[in-house]
Amino acid sequence: MQRNNSKKAVLPVLAAVIGLGTVMSGCGGAAEPPSAPSGNPQAQTDKFAEKMKITMFNQGTFNAAAPIPSREVDIPRQMLEKAVNIDLQMTVPQGGQATTKLNTLIAGGDIPDLIFMKSRSDLAQYYDQGILADLTPYLDQFPELKKRWTKEAWEAMQYKGKTIAVPGYDNVSGIIGSLFIRNDWLKKLNLKVPTTPDELFAVMKAFTEQDPDGNGKNDTYGFIGGMNKEGVLQTYGFDMLMWMFGVNPPGAIDVKDNKPVLLFTDPKMKEALSYIQKMMEAKVVDPDWVTMNDSALLDQKLYKGKVGFMVRDARRLEPEAQEKMKEVGGEVPEWIIIPPMKGPYGDQILERKGFQSNSWAISVKADKAKIIRILSMLEYYYTDKEAYPHFAYGLKGTHWDLVDGKPKTKTLTKEVKDKYIWVDHYRMPRRGDDSEYFNFANPKTAEAFTNNQKYVAPTLPGAFLTPDPNDSLAAERVRFINESLVKFMSGKEPLSNWDNYIKTLETKFELPKYKDIVTKQFKEQGVIK
């Protein structure tokens, strides 16, 4: 699954376009922008002698509700403009209206020069419609930009044998799906941190049955998870239990022996469901799991401290969340974050690395000179070391300062955050493993974030798949899979009916036809031969 670090919109905003104006230095306490890219100044001047207007459709902003500032205070914009001699006109669409806004511009013949795409499906669709340019002939001229991204990220930009976009921003791994366990309960019951599924089950059972909080009541549970309002198990805890067996719900499709492997039909999935069903039968799962369809509800369970093991965001170790624990549960439990269990087949997976679905695409109307200028801007934006903190962290002197020669982010008041919320429009270059960007207040949060990276497995090939218009049963098939998995793991459907589940997928939901679609797309992508 894909997990980015975009911040939630909190204020209403109108879609806006930055107007023309003369590049000016920052005022009102803002820092001077650093100099343009390093290298031969004369060569840069000759290369970008003619000023060029670039229109940017930025739906990749980390806060669509943030206003667009005037050029006078917009240091990041000044930096981009100065670096490659451009007049940057940026449109930030209102939250939830990006697709409509973009399609309106396209229909009017006013295709933005640079477009942030949020999904590979959208990228492929717009390319097929003749809206986006093929960037393959140009990218070798930008070695630093190519090095900035992994081989897998660039592969995600390929479609029908061509590279049609530049990656947008790193997905963040190792934060949201952290494994929290009550260390104080482990100590009280003389238990060790579990390292295998069997050890985990024993710990969850003890947490449920042996009164770990010592109140003499039968009111604790070993685990709680949930599923979202669409009935999908991913990201709410049960998916982590499945990863112990190397499987996961519908989107998890692997390749083995040059053939696609649908993990939701793999025999290992049956084993994973049997493990969870065993947990249900032993009553180590908080029965409220059926109502846990929102992250905030699971947070409340964490704060109350009546569950000994669960999957939550590592930032729940931060002071603000610790205060919530005190407020809601009356104490701050000794929660620690542990590595994932090592499963029976050697899998030790916390999560799969987020697929590089977001990207920057360039209009097919852009001529060669404009494409070169845009890619030059992106190379500066993403690879210039001196510029990085100005884009990733915000304004120097306000959001960060140099301490012992290294950027150090500051803890900001709400007033300052709100005043400069617009810097979120430019944070895309931040690296997904940059703990300084997150400004962790608790060293244990930073430690957990770093340790979790060891257990983030590579993205599965299934992430490359795009919807096939001829697959009319796609939505119903996914719904059936999700419903069936929940029935099996909860015991409502006996696992003796597993073969019937497979047969129904093959007949009613045309699984062989779906496998053919998957195989075809994998071949086009070069995943299988």
Protein backbone atom coordinates (compact mmCIF):
# COMPACT_ATOMS: atom_id res chain seq x y z
CA MET A 1 0.00 0.00 0.00
CA GLN A 2 1.00 3.48 -0.60
CA ARG A 3 1.57 5.81 2.28
CA ASN A 4 2.66 9.55 1.71
CA ASN A 5 3.27 12.23 4.34
CA SER A 6 0.85 14.85 2.97
CA LYS A 7 -0.62 16.97 5.70
CA LYS A 8 -4.39 17.19 6.07
CA ALA A 9 -6.20 20.22 4.76
CA VAL A 10 -7.59 22.32 7.59
CA LEU A 11 -8.64 25.59 5.97
CA PRO A 12 -10.79 26.42 2.94
CA VAL A 13 -8.95 27.80 -0.08
CA LEU A 14 -9.56 28.93 -3.62
CA ALA A 15 -7.48 27.51 -6.44
CA ALA A 16 -5.04 30.25 -7.32
CA VAL A 17 -2.36 31.11 -9.82
CA ILE A 18 0.73 33.07 -8.91
CA GLY A 19 0.90 36.16 -11.09
CA LEU A 20 3.82 37.63 -12.95
CA GLY A 21 6.31 39.82 -11.16
CA THR A 22 9.93 40.71 -10.70
CA VAL A 23 12.07 38.32 -8.65
CA MET A 24 12.76 39.97 -5.31
CA SER A 25 14.64 38.99 -2.22
CA GLY A 26 12.63 37.85 0.80
CA CYS A 27 11.25 40.37 3.23
CA GLY A 28 9.40 40.33 6.52
CA GLY A 29 12.13 38.31 8.22
CA ALA A 30 12.38 35.66 5.49
CA ALA A 31 15.88 34.44 4.67
CA GLU A 32 17.77 35.33 1.53
CA PRO A 33 17.53 32.53 -1.01
CA PRO A 34 20.80 30.67 -1.57
CA SER A 35 22.69 31.10 -4.80
CA ALA A 36 21.67 29.25 -7.94
CA PRO A 37 23.07 25.77 -8.72
CA SER A 38 26.77 25.18 -8.34
CA GLY A 39 28.95 24.74 -11.41
CA ASN A 40 30.20 27.09 -14.09
CA PRO A 41 28.16 30.31 -13.74
CA GLN A 42 28.87 31.32 -17.32
CA ALA A 43 27.69 27.95 -18.63
CA GLN A 44 24.49 28.28 -16.62
CA THR A 45 23.94 31.80 -17.93
CA ASP A 46 24.42 30.71 -21.54
CA LYS A 47 22.20 27.66 -21.10
CA PHE A 48 19.32 29.65 -19.65
CA ALA A 49 19.91 32.99 -21.36
CA GLU A 50 16.31 33.40 -22.44
CA LYS A 51 13.75 33.68 -19.65
CA MET A 52 10.94 31.17 -20.02
CA LYS A 53 7.46 30.98 -18.52
CA ILE A 54 6.59 27.63 -16.95
CA THR A 55 3.06 26.80 -15.79
CA MET A 56 2.86 24.21 -13.02
CA PHE A 57 -0.23 22.27 -11.92
CA ASN A 58 0.73 21.33 -8.36
CA GLN A 59 -1.75 18.85 -6.96
CA GLY A 60 1.19 17.22 -5.19
CA THR A 61 1.29 19.95 -2.56
CA PHE A 62 1.40 18.67 0.99
CA ASN A 63 -1.43 21.03 1.89
CA ALA A 64 -3.97 21.94 -0.79
CA ALA A 65 -5.71 24.30 1.64
CA ALA A 66 -2.67 26.52 2.09
CA PRO A 67 -2.81 29.92 0.37
CA ILE A 68 -0.31 30.84 -2.32
CA PRO A 69 1.95 33.66 -1.07
CA SER A 70 3.12 36.70 -2.97
CA ARG A 71 6.40 36.34 -4.82
CA GLU A 72 8.06 38.82 -2.43
CA VAL A 73 7.94 36.33 0.47
CA ASP A 74 7.95 33.13 -1.57
CA ILE A 75 11.61 32.17 -1.17
CA PRO A 76 11.22 28.66 -2.69
CA ARG A 77 9.65 30.10 -5.82
CA GLN A 78 12.40 32.69 -6.08
CA MET A 79 14.98 29.92 -5.83
CA LEU A 80 13.43 27.86 -8.60
CA GLU A 81 13.06 30.89 -10.85
CA LYS A 82 16.61 32.06 -10.27
CA ALA A 83 18.13 28.61 -10.74
CA VAL A 84 17.00 28.15 -14.34
CA ASN A 85 15.79 31.65 -15.32
CA ILE A 86 12.07 31.02 -15.43
CA ASP A 87 8.84 32.76 -14.54
CA LEU A 88 7.02 30.10 -12.55
CA GLN A 89 3.24 30.27 -12.49
CA MET A 90 1.86 27.68 -10.09
CA THR A 91 -1.73 26.54 -9.76
CA VAL A 92 -2.74 24.69 -6.61
CA PRO A 93 -6.16 23.07 -7.08
CA GLN A 94 -8.62 22.99 -4.23
CA GLY A 95 -8.76 19.70 -2.37
CA GLY A 96 -11.03 17.18 -4.07
CA GLN A 97 -11.28 19.26 -7.24
CA ALA A 98 -7.90 18.60 -8.86
CA THR A 99 -9.13 16.23 -11.56
CA THR A 100 -12.01 18.48 -12.55
CA LYS A 101 -9.74 21.53 -12.65
CA LEU A 102 -7.10 19.76 -14.73
CA ASN A 103 -9.62 18.34 -17.18
CA THR A 104 -11.16 21.80 -17.61
CA LEU A 105 -7.75 23.27 -18.46
CA ILE A 106 -7.04 20.47 -20.91
CA ALA A 107 -10.45 20.78 -22.56
CA GLY A 108 -9.78 24.49 -23.08
CA GLY A 109 -6.46 23.75 -24.75
CA ASP A 110 -4.55 25.25 -21.82
CA ILE A 111 -2.51 22.22 -20.78
CA PRO A 112 -0.10 23.14 -17.94
CA ASP A 113 3.57 22.68 -18.85
CA LEU A 114 4.31 20.66 -15.72
CA ILE A 115 1.65 18.47 -14.11
CA PHE A 116 1.85 16.55 -10.84
CA MET A 117 0.14 13.17 -11.22
CA LYS A 118 -1.11 11.40 -8.12
CA SER A 119 -1.48 7.91 -9.60
CA ARG A 120 0.09 5.77 -12.27
CA SER A 121 -3.38 5.06 -13.63
CA ASP A 122 -3.93 8.78 -14.27
CA LEU A 123 -0.46 9.09 -15.76
CA ALA A 124 -1.11 6.22 -18.20
CA GLN A 125 -4.57 7.52 -19.09
CA TYR A 126 -3.41 11.06 -19.91
CA TYR A 127 -0.47 9.72 -21.91
CA ASP A 128 -2.79 7.46 -23.93
CA GLN A 129 -4.95 10.51 -24.64
CA GLY A 130 -1.98 12.28 -26.20
CA ILE A 131 -1.67 14.89 -23.45
CA LEU A 132 1.75 14.03 -22.03
CA ALA A 133 5.23 13.99 -23.58
CA ASP A 134 7.64 11.08 -23.84
CA LEU A 135 10.70 12.07 -21.76
CA THR A 136 12.89 9.15 -22.81
CA PRO A 137 15.06 11.16 -25.27
CA TYR A 138 15.98 13.79 -22.65
CA LEU A 139 16.66 12.09 -19.32
CA ASP A 140 20.24 11.01 -20.05
CA GLN A 141 21.12 14.72 -20.03
CA PHE A 142 20.22 14.84 -16.32
CA PRO A 143 22.42 12.28 -14.53
CA GLU A 144 21.92 13.77 -11.06
CA LEU A 145 18.15 13.62 -11.43
CA LYS A 146 18.39 10.00 -12.56
CA LYS A 147 20.59 9.13 -9.56
CA ARG A 148 18.19 10.80 -7.13
CA TRP A 149 15.61 8.06 -7.60
CA THR A 150 15.86 4.31 -7.26
CA LYS A 151 15.68 1.88 -10.16
CA GLU A 152 12.24 0.84 -8.92
CA ALA A 153 11.00 4.45 -8.88
CA TRP A 154 12.10 4.98 -12.48
CA GLU A 155 10.53 1.69 -13.52
CA ALA A 156 7.23 3.02 -12.21
CA MET A 157 7.60 5.94 -14.62
CA GLN A 158 7.80 3.57 -17.59
CA TYR A 159 4.76 2.86 -19.70
CA LYS A 160 4.62 1.03 -23.01
CA GLY A 161 8.39 1.03 -23.18
CA LYS A 162 8.78 4.78 -22.63
CA THR A 163 9.61 6.94 -19.60
CA ILE A 164 6.74 9.40 -19.39
CA ALA A 165 7.34 11.16 -16.06
CA VAL A 166 9.77 12.02 -13.26
CA PRO A 167 9.09 10.68 -9.74
CA GLY A 168 7.23 13.13 -7.50
CA TYR A 169 8.18 12.42 -3.89
CA ASP A 170 9.38 9.57 -1.72
CA ASN A 171 6.66 7.59 -0.04
CA VAL A 172 7.23 7.33 3.69
CA SER A 173 7.75 3.87 5.12
CA GLY A 174 8.40 2.70 8.63
CA ILE A 175 6.19 5.14 10.53
CA ILE A 176 2.49 4.39 10.16
CA GLY A 177 2.68 0.62 10.55
CA SER A 178 4.79 0.37 13.72
CA LEU A 179 4.35 -2.54 16.12
CA PHE A 180 3.51 -1.26 19.60
CA ILE A 181 3.71 -3.57 22.62
CA ARG A 182 3.29 -2.93 26.35
CA ASN A 183 6.79 -3.47 27.73
CA ASP A 184 5.57 -2.92 31.30
CA TRP A 185 3.15 -5.84 30.82
CA LEU A 186 5.93 -8.01 29.43
CA LYS A 187 8.03 -7.27 32.51
CA LYS A 188 5.18 -7.92 34.93
CA LEU A 189 4.36 -11.29 33.36
CA ASN A 190 8.05 -12.19 32.97
CA LEU A 191 7.74 -12.44 29.19
CA LYS A 192 10.22 -11.62 26.45
CA VAL A 193 9.62 -9.55 23.33
CA PRO A 194 8.09 -12.02 20.84
CA THR A 195 10.02 -12.82 17.67
CA THR A 196 7.85 -15.49 15.98
CA PRO A 197 4.10 -15.95 15.36
CA ASP A 198 3.91 -18.64 18.06
CA GLU A 199 5.67 -16.45 20.61
CA LEU A 200 3.41 -13.55 19.69
CA PHE A 201 0.32 -15.69 20.20
CA ALA A 202 1.56 -16.78 23.62
CA VAL A 203 2.17 -13.14 24.62
CA MET A 204 -1.26 -12.00 23.38
CA LYS A 205 -2.89 -14.86 25.29
CA ALA A 206 -1.05 -13.91 28.50
CA PHE A 207 -2.00 -10.24 28.05
CA THR A 208 -5.63 -11.33 27.81
CA GLU A 209 -5.80 -13.87 30.61
CA GLN A 210 -3.22 -12.94 33.26
CA ASP A 211 -4.42 -9.49 34.38
CA PRO A 212 -1.30 -7.59 33.27
CA ASP A 213 -2.56 -4.25 34.59
CA GLY A 214 -3.19 -5.76 38.02
CA ASN A 215 -6.66 -4.33 38.57
CA GLY A 216 -8.26 -7.70 39.25
CA LYS A 217 -10.62 -7.36 36.30
CA ASN A 218 -10.90 -9.31 33.07
CA ASP A 219 -10.63 -6.18 30.91
CA THR A 220 -7.43 -6.49 28.86
CA TYR A 221 -6.79 -7.93 25.41
CA GLY A 222 -3.77 -9.10 23.52
CA PHE A 223 -4.53 -7.40 20.20
CA ILE A 224 -6.86 -5.14 18.30
CA GLY A 225 -7.04 -4.37 14.61
CA GLY A 226 -9.76 -3.22 12.26
CA MET A 227 -10.73 -2.50 8.68
CA ASN A 228 -11.68 0.66 6.86
CA LYS A 229 -15.23 1.61 5.93
CA GLU A 230 -14.88 -0.24 2.61
CA GLY A 231 -14.07 -3.46 4.46
CA VAL A 232 -10.38 -3.48 3.49
CA LEU A 233 -8.02 -4.98 6.06
CA GLN A 234 -4.87 -3.13 5.01
CA THR A 235 -3.19 -0.59 7.34
CA TYR A 236 -5.33 -1.46 10.37
CA GLY A 237 -3.23 -4.26 11.87
CA PHE A 238 -4.52 -7.52 10.48
CA ASP A 239 -2.42 -7.03 7.35
CA MET A 240 0.72 -7.10 9.51
CA LEU A 241 -0.34 -10.48 10.87
CA MET A 242 -0.74 -11.72 7.30
CA TRP A 243 2.72 -10.48 6.34
CA MET A 244 4.16 -12.95 8.87
CA PHE A 245 3.14 -15.58 6.31
CA GLY A 246 4.29 -13.53 3.32
CA VAL A 247 0.83 -12.65 2.04
CA ASN A 248 -1.62 -9.74 2.00
CA PRO A 249 -5.07 -8.79 0.61
CA PRO A 250 -6.04 -8.09 -3.05
CA GLY A 251 -3.38 -5.67 -4.29
CA ALA A 252 -0.55 -8.00 -3.28
CA ILE A 253 0.48 -9.80 -6.47
CA ASP A 254 3.95 -11.29 -6.81
CA VAL A 255 5.85 -13.03 -9.60
CA LYS A 256 7.39 -16.48 -9.22
CA ASP A 257 8.85 -18.68 -11.96
CA ASN A 258 7.90 -16.00 -14.49
CA LYS A 259 4.22 -16.24 -13.57
CA PRO A 260 1.96 -13.96 -11.51
CA VAL A 261 1.14 -15.17 -8.01
CA LEU A 262 -2.12 -13.84 -6.57
CA LEU A 263 -1.42 -13.78 -2.85
CA PHE A 264 -5.11 -13.64 -1.95
CA THR A 265 -5.46 -17.20 -3.32
CA ASP A 266 -2.06 -18.50 -2.21
CA PRO A 267 -2.12 -21.43 0.27
CA LYS A 268 -0.08 -19.23 2.62
CA MET A 269 -3.09 -16.92 2.85
CA LYS A 270 -5.09 -19.82 4.22
CA GLU A 271 -2.41 -20.30 6.89
CA ALA A 272 -2.51 -16.60 7.77
CA LEU A 273 -6.29 -16.68 8.11
CA SER A 274 -6.05 -19.80 10.25
CA TYR A 275 -3.65 -17.97 12.60
CA ILE A 276 -6.01 -15.01 12.98
CA GLN A 277 -8.99 -17.33 13.41
CA LYS A 278 -7.06 -19.03 16.22
CA MET A 279 -6.62 -15.62 17.85
CA MET A 280 -10.37 -14.98 17.56
CA GLU A 281 -11.24 -18.35 19.08
CA ALA A 282 -8.85 -17.72 21.98
CA LYS A 283 -10.56 -14.34 22.49
CA VAL A 284 -7.25 -12.46 22.50
CA VAL A 285 -8.66 -9.95 20.00
CA ASP A 286 -10.64 -7.06 21.47
CA PRO A 287 -14.21 -7.66 20.17
CA ASP A 288 -14.45 -3.97 19.29
CA TRP A 289 -12.32 -4.73 16.21
CA VAL A 290 -15.47 -4.92 14.09
CA THR A 291 -16.13 -1.21 14.74
CA MET A 292 -12.53 -0.04 14.23
CA ASN A 293 -13.01 1.58 10.81
CA ASP A 294 -11.11 4.78 11.49
CA SER A 295 -7.55 5.46 12.59
CA ALA A 296 -8.72 7.77 15.37
CA LEU A 297 -10.70 4.93 16.96
CA LEU A 298 -7.61 2.75 17.09
CA ASP A 299 -5.68 5.64 18.61
CA GLN A 300 -8.24 5.78 21.41
CA LYS A 301 -7.56 2.11 22.12
CA LEU A 302 -3.86 2.89 22.31
CA TYR A 303 -4.47 5.79 24.69
CA LYS A 304 -6.73 3.76 27.00
CA GLY A 305 -3.97 1.17 27.41
CA LYS A 306 -6.19 -1.91 27.69
CA VAL A 307 -4.67 -3.66 24.67
CA GLY A 308 -1.13 -5.03 24.83
CA PHE A 309 -0.16 -5.23 21.16
CA MET A 310 -1.31 -3.21 18.15
CA VAL A 311 -0.17 -1.50 14.99
CA ARG A 312 -0.01 2.29 15.18
CA ASP A 313 1.95 5.27 13.90
CA ALA A 314 5.40 5.61 15.51
CA ARG A 315 4.59 9.25 16.20
CA ARG A 316 2.29 8.09 18.99
CA LEU A 317 5.50 8.08 21.04
CA GLU A 318 5.66 11.85 20.63
CA PRO A 319 4.82 14.13 23.61
CA GLU A 320 1.42 15.17 22.26
CA ALA A 321 0.24 11.56 22.03
CA GLN A 322 1.78 10.75 25.42
CA GLU A 323 -0.34 13.52 26.92
CA LYS A 324 -3.40 11.94 25.32
CA MET A 325 -2.56 8.65 27.02
CA LYS A 326 -2.41 10.40 30.38
CA GLU A 327 -5.65 12.22 29.67
CA VAL A 328 -7.61 9.22 28.38
CA GLY A 329 -6.12 6.28 30.27
CA GLY A 330 -4.83 7.97 33.41
CA GLU A 331 -1.24 6.88 32.79
CA VAL A 332 1.50 6.81 30.17
CA PRO A 333 2.13 3.11 29.52
CA GLU A 334 5.60 1.88 28.65
CA TRP A 335 4.92 1.30 24.98
CA ILE A 336 7.87 0.17 22.91
CA ILE A 337 8.13 -0.45 19.17
CA ILE A 338 9.44 -3.87 18.19
CA PRO A 339 10.58 -5.57 14.95
CA PRO A 340 8.07 -7.69 13.02
CA MET A 341 7.87 -11.41 13.77
CA LYS A 342 9.86 -13.81 11.59
CA GLY A 343 7.28 -16.07 9.97
CA PRO A 344 7.38 -19.79 9.15
CA TYR A 345 8.75 -19.12 5.65
CA GLY A 346 11.41 -16.68 6.77
CA ASP A 347 9.37 -13.53 6.07
CA GLN A 348 10.03 -10.63 8.42
CA ILE A 349 7.99 -7.86 6.85
CA LEU A 350 6.68 -4.73 8.49
CA GLU A 351 5.23 -3.40 5.27
CA ARG A 352 5.98 -3.17 1.58
CA LYS A 353 7.67 -0.08 0.25
CA GLY A 354 5.12 2.33 -1.18
CA PHE A 355 4.85 2.21 -4.96
CA GLN A 356 6.13 5.30 -6.77
CA SER A 357 2.70 6.24 -8.11
CA ASN A 358 3.08 10.02 -7.90
CA SER A 359 5.03 11.86 -10.55
CA TRP A 360 5.73 14.99 -12.58
CA ALA A 361 4.61 14.80 -16.22
CA ILE A 362 5.24 17.35 -18.97
CA SER A 363 2.74 18.56 -21.55
CA VAL A 364 3.03 17.19 -25.06
CA LYS A 365 2.75 20.82 -26.20
CA ALA A 366 6.10 21.68 -24.62
CA ASP A 367 8.86 21.95 -27.23
CA LYS A 368 12.36 20.55 -26.73
CA ALA A 369 13.69 23.75 -25.16
CA LYS A 370 10.89 23.89 -22.62
CA ILE A 371 11.24 20.21 -21.72
CA ILE A 372 14.97 20.76 -21.13
CA ARG A 373 14.25 23.79 -18.96
CA ILE A 374 11.65 21.95 -16.87
CA LEU A 375 13.91 18.95 -16.33
CA SER A 376 16.71 21.33 -15.37
CA MET A 377 14.43 22.87 -12.78
CA LEU A 378 13.48 19.45 -11.42
CA GLU A 379 17.12 18.39 -11.23
CA TYR A 380 17.92 21.50 -9.16
CA TYR A 381 14.77 21.08 -7.07
CA TYR A 382 15.53 17.49 -6.14
CA THR A 383 19.32 17.24 -6.12
CA ASP A 384 20.95 20.53 -5.11
CA LYS A 385 22.32 19.86 -1.61
CA GLU A 386 22.43 23.50 -0.57
CA ALA A 387 18.83 24.05 -1.66
CA TYR A 388 17.44 20.87 -0.08
CA PRO A 389 16.66 22.22 3.42
CA HIS A 390 14.94 25.29 1.91
CA PHE A 391 12.48 23.02 0.10
CA ALA A 392 12.22 20.11 2.56
CA TYR A 393 12.16 22.01 5.87
CA GLY A 394 10.87 25.49 5.04
CA LEU A 395 12.30 28.95 5.59
CA LYS A 396 15.76 29.29 7.08
CA GLY A 397 15.60 31.15 10.39
CA THR A 398 11.92 30.28 10.80
CA HIS A 399 11.63 26.54 10.27
CA TRP A 400 15.30 25.59 10.59
CA ASP A 401 18.79 26.86 11.19
CA LEU A 402 22.32 25.57 10.79
CA VAL A 403 23.63 24.01 14.00
CA ASP A 404 27.24 22.80 13.93
CA GLY A 405 27.10 23.10 10.17
CA LYS A 406 24.01 20.92 9.78
CA PRO A 407 20.34 21.89 9.29
CA LYS A 408 18.31 21.55 12.46
CA THR A 409 14.54 21.94 12.37
CA LYS A 410 12.74 23.97 15.02
CA THR A 411 9.69 23.27 17.12
CA LEU A 412 7.12 25.82 15.99
CA THR A 413 4.13 27.42 17.64
CA LYS A 414 0.74 27.00 15.98
CA GLU A 415 0.80 30.68 15.05
CA VAL A 416 4.05 30.30 13.13
CA LYS A 417 2.88 27.07 11.49
CA ASP A 418 -0.29 28.73 10.28
CA LYS A 419 1.52 31.84 9.05
CA TYR A 420 3.91 29.85 6.89
CA ILE A 421 1.70 26.89 6.01
CA TRP A 422 2.25 27.66 2.33
CA VAL A 423 5.77 26.19 2.44
CA ASP A 424 3.98 22.83 2.19
CA HIS A 425 3.56 23.51 -1.54
CA TYR A 426 7.29 22.93 -1.99
CA ARG A 427 8.20 20.06 0.34
CA MET A 428 8.19 17.30 -2.31
CA PRO A 429 12.01 16.88 -2.40
CA ARG A 430 12.07 15.75 1.23
CA ARG A 431 13.40 12.23 1.51
CA GLY A 432 11.17 9.55 2.95
CA ASP A 433 13.82 8.47 5.45
CA ASP A 434 14.80 11.97 6.59
CA SER A 435 14.10 12.00 10.31
CA GLU A 436 15.06 15.71 10.53
CA TYR A 437 12.11 16.51 8.27
CA PHE A 438 9.72 14.95 10.77
CA ASN A 439 11.29 16.87 13.67
CA PHE A 440 10.75 14.08 16.18
CA ALA A 441 10.69 15.38 19.74
CA ASN A 442 11.17 11.96 21.34
CA PRO A 443 14.48 10.22 20.47
CA LYS A 444 12.64 6.89 20.72
CA THR A 445 10.44 7.90 17.80
CA ALA A 446 13.47 8.61 15.63
CA GLU A 447 15.06 5.34 16.76
CA ALA A 448 11.93 3.35 15.88
CA PHE A 449 11.67 5.08 12.50
CA THR A 450 15.28 4.15 11.69
CA ASN A 451 14.94 0.57 12.92
CA ASN A 452 11.69 0.02 11.02
CA GLN A 453 13.43 0.74 7.71
CA LYS A 454 15.18 -2.63 8.01
CA TYR A 455 11.86 -4.42 7.62
CA VAL A 456 10.35 -2.50 4.72
CA ALA A 457 10.29 -5.03 1.89
CA PRO A 458 10.46 -4.12 -1.81
CA THR A 459 7.32 -3.11 -3.64
CA LEU A 460 5.44 -6.03 -5.17
CA PRO A 461 4.97 -6.10 -8.97
CA GLY A 462 1.19 -5.90 -8.54
CA ALA A 463 1.60 -2.19 -7.91
CA PHE A 464 2.33 -1.71 -11.63
CA LEU A 465 -1.14 -2.85 -12.63
CA THR A 466 -3.60 -0.33 -14.03
CA PRO A 467 -7.39 -0.85 -14.34
CA ASP A 468 -8.42 -2.70 -17.49
CA PRO A 469 -11.64 -1.28 -19.00
CA ASN A 470 -12.55 -4.77 -20.21
CA ASP A 471 -12.48 -6.20 -16.69
CA SER A 472 -16.09 -5.44 -15.79
CA LEU A 473 -15.98 -7.60 -12.66
CA ALA A 474 -12.98 -5.86 -11.07
CA ALA A 475 -14.82 -3.99 -8.31
CA GLU A 476 -17.11 -6.90 -7.44
CA ARG A 477 -14.18 -9.30 -7.37
CA VAL A 478 -12.21 -7.16 -4.93
CA ARG A 479 -15.29 -6.76 -2.73
CA PHE A 480 -15.84 -10.53 -2.68
CA ILE A 481 -12.20 -11.17 -1.77
CA ASN A 482 -12.26 -8.69 1.11
CA GLU A 483 -15.57 -10.01 2.46
CA SER A 484 -14.37 -13.60 2.22
CA LEU A 485 -11.11 -12.93 4.03
CA VAL A 486 -12.96 -11.25 6.90
CA LYS A 487 -15.43 -14.15 7.14
CA PHE A 488 -12.62 -16.71 7.22
CA MET A 489 -10.48 -14.96 9.82
CA SER A 490 -13.45 -14.19 12.08
CA GLY A 491 -14.71 -17.77 11.93
CA LYS A 492 -18.01 -16.88 10.26
CA GLU A 493 -16.89 -18.99 7.33
CA PRO A 494 -15.00 -22.23 8.11
CA LEU A 495 -11.66 -22.64 6.38
CA SER A 496 -12.92 -25.96 5.11
CA ASN A 497 -14.73 -23.81 2.51
CA TRP A 498 -11.43 -22.42 1.16
CA ASP A 499 -11.70 -24.48 -2.05
CA ASN A 500 -15.20 -23.11 -2.64
CA TYR A 501 -13.79 -19.58 -2.29
CA ILE A 502 -11.19 -20.33 -4.98
CA LYS A 503 -13.78 -21.96 -7.24
CA THR A 504 -16.14 -18.98 -6.94
CA LEU A 505 -13.31 -16.63 -7.90
CA GLU A 506 -12.50 -18.77 -10.94
CA THR A 507 -16.07 -19.12 -12.18
CA LYS A 508 -18.31 -16.27 -11.05
CA PHE A 509 -15.50 -13.67 -10.95
CA GLU A 510 -13.51 -14.90 -13.97
CA LEU A 511 -10.17 -15.25 -12.22
CA PRO A 512 -8.46 -16.89 -15.25
CA LYS A 513 -9.38 -13.85 -17.36
CA TYR A 514 -8.00 -11.56 -14.66
CA LYS A 515 -4.76 -13.56 -14.59
CA ASP A 516 -4.46 -13.05 -18.35
CA ILE A 517 -4.86 -9.28 -17.85
CA VAL A 518 -2.20 -9.32 -15.14
CA THR A 519 0.15 -11.39 -17.29
CA LYS A 520 -0.30 -9.08 -20.27
CA GLN A 521 0.46 -5.95 -18.23
CA PHE A 522 3.44 -7.60 -16.53
CA LYS A 523 4.85 -8.49 -19.95
CA GLU A 524 4.36 -4.93 -21.19
CA GLN A 525 6.16 -3.67 -18.10
CA GLY A 526 8.96 -6.21 -18.46
CA VAL A 527 8.17 -7.82 -15.11
CA ILE A 528 7.79 -11.21 -16.79
CA LYS A 529 9.03 -12.41 -20.17
